[in-house]
Amino acid sequence: MAETTSKAPAATASKDKTTGALVTAQGSTTIADTVVQKIAGLATREVAGVHALGGGVSRAFSAIRERIPGATASAGQGVSVEVGEKQAAVDLQIVVEYGVSIADVARSVRRTVITGVERMTGLEVVEVNIAVGDLRLPGEDEGESADTGRVQ
């Protein structure tokens, strides 16, 4: 009997956490995929050891976009999400710094993304899949040309 009593509040608390804020008697709230995508992308960038998000092609387009006056890099680059009524799943493609533990970085990214998305949206994050697509080596400067010492 004590078991049944202890399980019921946990289930109710979990249910309130995922649906209480989004569906109420006064109406419902729908969160767009791009909102979750941006939150996950910004949260990922906060983790030490993550150099960049996205694969080679998306990073190349981002480098070009950054050179255009007034254009900014996409916060959702390298992030894809599936958002339902109560849950979300996140897929990330990242580039890590050389010398860091990839397992530790992945663990930190998962924790940060889940915390950020759940706190800001009220959605339950059911999974965060991480693909490490590249490694940034020391001394590698993306998009920066070497200084030739010549006047430009």
Protein backbone atom coordinates (compact mmCIF):
# COMPACT_ATOMS: atom_id res chain seq x y z
CA MET A 1 0.00 0.00 0.00
CA ALA A 2 2.89 2.36 0.76
CA GLU A 3 4.32 1.62 -2.69
CA THR A 4 1.13 2.69 -4.47
CA THR A 5 1.02 5.94 -2.52
CA SER A 6 4.64 6.81 -3.34
CA LYS A 7 4.25 6.08 -7.08
CA ALA A 8 1.08 8.10 -7.64
CA PRO A 9 2.53 11.54 -6.71
CA ALA A 10 5.60 10.95 -8.90
CA ALA A 11 3.42 10.14 -11.91
CA THR A 12 1.22 13.17 -11.23
CA ALA A 13 4.23 15.47 -10.85
CA SER A 14 5.70 14.20 -14.12
CA LYS A 15 2.37 14.63 -15.90
CA ASP A 16 1.97 18.19 -14.59
CA LYS A 17 5.54 19.01 -15.64
CA THR A 18 5.01 18.05 -19.26
CA THR A 19 1.41 19.05 -19.86
CA GLY A 20 0.48 21.45 -17.07
CA ALA A 21 2.20 24.48 -18.56
CA LEU A 22 1.21 23.82 -22.17
CA VAL A 23 -2.39 22.62 -21.89
CA THR A 24 -4.67 24.32 -19.39
CA ALA A 25 -8.39 24.89 -18.98
CA GLN A 26 -7.88 28.33 -20.53
CA GLY A 27 -6.19 27.03 -23.70
CA SER A 28 -3.12 25.33 -25.12
CA THR A 29 0.33 26.45 -26.15
CA THR A 30 2.07 25.12 -29.26
CA ILE A 31 5.84 25.43 -29.58
CA ALA A 32 7.35 25.54 -33.07
CA ASP A 33 10.22 23.24 -34.05
CA THR A 34 12.46 26.25 -34.74
CA VAL A 35 12.07 27.47 -31.15
CA VAL A 36 13.27 24.14 -29.73
CA GLN A 37 15.99 24.01 -32.39
CA LYS A 38 17.36 27.42 -31.37
CA ILE A 39 17.24 26.64 -27.64
CA ALA A 40 19.11 23.36 -28.20
CA GLY A 41 21.68 25.04 -30.46
CA LEU A 42 22.41 27.86 -28.01
CA ALA A 43 22.58 25.43 -25.08
CA THR A 44 25.05 23.24 -26.98
CA ARG A 45 27.32 26.18 -27.75
CA GLU A 46 27.54 26.94 -23.99
CA VAL A 47 29.32 23.63 -23.28
CA ALA A 48 33.10 23.77 -22.94
CA GLY A 49 34.78 21.56 -25.54
CA VAL A 50 32.21 22.18 -28.27
CA HIS A 51 33.90 24.14 -31.03
CA ALA A 52 31.03 24.35 -33.52
CA LEU A 53 27.74 22.85 -34.63
CA GLY A 54 26.98 21.31 -38.00
CA GLY A 55 28.69 19.31 -40.68
CA GLY A 56 31.27 20.58 -43.12
CA VAL A 57 28.78 21.92 -45.67
CA SER A 58 26.60 23.75 -43.13
CA ARG A 59 29.69 25.27 -41.49
CA ALA A 60 30.93 26.44 -44.91
CA PHE A 61 27.60 28.14 -45.64
CA SER A 62 27.67 29.69 -42.16
CA ALA A 63 31.16 31.08 -42.79
CA ILE A 64 29.93 32.68 -46.01
CA ARG A 65 26.79 34.03 -44.31
CA GLU A 66 28.89 35.61 -41.52
CA ARG A 67 30.85 37.63 -44.11
CA ILE A 68 27.67 39.25 -45.45
CA PRO A 69 27.01 42.54 -43.65
CA GLY A 70 23.96 42.28 -41.41
CA ALA A 71 23.71 38.49 -41.66
CA THR A 72 24.14 36.29 -38.62
CA ALA A 73 24.92 32.63 -38.09
CA SER A 74 21.91 30.41 -37.56
CA ALA A 75 21.38 29.40 -33.93
CA GLY A 76 19.89 26.14 -35.17
CA GLN A 77 22.77 25.10 -37.43
CA GLY A 78 23.66 21.44 -36.86
CA VAL A 79 20.46 20.85 -34.88
CA SER A 80 17.37 18.95 -35.96
CA VAL A 81 14.37 18.36 -33.74
CA GLU A 82 11.07 16.55 -33.64
CA VAL A 83 8.49 18.27 -31.49
CA GLY A 84 5.21 16.70 -30.44
CA GLU A 85 2.47 17.95 -28.14
CA LYS A 86 4.28 16.88 -24.96
CA GLN A 87 7.74 15.65 -25.98
CA ALA A 88 10.73 16.59 -28.09
CA ALA A 89 13.71 14.72 -29.53
CA VAL A 90 16.93 16.49 -30.52
CA ASP A 91 19.68 15.43 -32.94
CA LEU A 92 22.97 17.37 -32.87
CA GLN A 93 26.01 17.35 -35.11
CA ILE A 94 29.01 18.87 -33.34
CA VAL A 95 32.72 19.57 -33.73
CA VAL A 96 34.77 19.08 -30.56
CA GLU A 97 38.08 20.58 -29.49
CA TYR A 98 41.13 18.31 -29.62
CA GLY A 99 42.15 16.99 -26.21
CA VAL A 100 38.75 16.95 -24.52
CA SER A 101 36.95 13.77 -23.54
CA ILE A 102 34.25 13.29 -26.16
CA ALA A 103 32.20 11.19 -23.72
CA ASP A 104 32.32 13.98 -21.12
CA VAL A 105 31.42 16.65 -23.68
CA ALA A 106 28.49 14.53 -24.93
CA ARG A 107 27.26 14.01 -21.36
CA SER A 108 27.46 17.75 -20.66
CA VAL A 109 25.73 18.62 -23.93
CA ARG A 110 22.86 16.22 -23.17
CA ARG A 111 22.40 17.58 -19.67
CA THR A 112 22.54 21.22 -20.82
CA VAL A 113 20.17 20.72 -23.77
CA ILE A 114 17.63 18.72 -21.75
CA THR A 115 17.67 21.26 -18.93
CA GLY A 116 17.36 24.24 -21.27
CA VAL A 117 14.61 22.85 -23.47
CA GLU A 118 12.54 21.46 -20.60
CA ARG A 119 12.90 24.63 -18.50
CA MET A 120 12.02 27.02 -21.32
CA THR A 121 9.31 25.03 -23.09
CA GLY A 122 7.79 22.59 -20.60
CA LEU A 123 8.28 19.80 -23.14
CA GLU A 124 9.81 16.51 -22.02
CA VAL A 125 13.03 15.81 -23.92
CA VAL A 126 13.00 12.07 -24.61
CA GLU A 127 16.38 11.85 -26.33
CA VAL A 128 19.38 13.88 -27.42
CA ASN A 129 21.42 12.13 -30.11
CA ILE A 130 24.90 13.52 -30.72
CA ALA A 131 27.05 12.92 -33.80
CA VAL A 132 30.65 14.11 -33.51
CA GLY A 133 31.48 14.96 -37.09
CA ASP A 134 34.88 16.59 -36.74
CA LEU A 135 37.70 17.49 -34.40
CA ARG A 136 39.22 20.98 -34.19
CA LEU A 137 42.99 20.75 -33.94
CA PRO A 138 45.09 23.34 -32.10
CA GLY A 139 46.16 26.17 -34.40
CA GLU A 140 43.36 25.55 -36.87
CA ASP A 141 41.63 28.83 -37.60
CA GLU A 142 38.48 28.47 -39.65
CA GLY A 143 37.83 31.21 -42.14
CA GLU A 144 40.81 33.36 -41.15
CA SER A 145 43.48 34.06 -43.72
CA ALA A 146 47.12 34.17 -42.72
CA ASP A 147 48.59 37.65 -42.26
CA THR A 148 50.98 38.21 -45.15
CA GLY A 149 52.22 41.55 -43.83
CA ARG A 150 51.16 43.30 -47.01
CA VAL A 151 49.06 46.41 -47.07
CA GLN A 152 45.52 45.79 -48.15
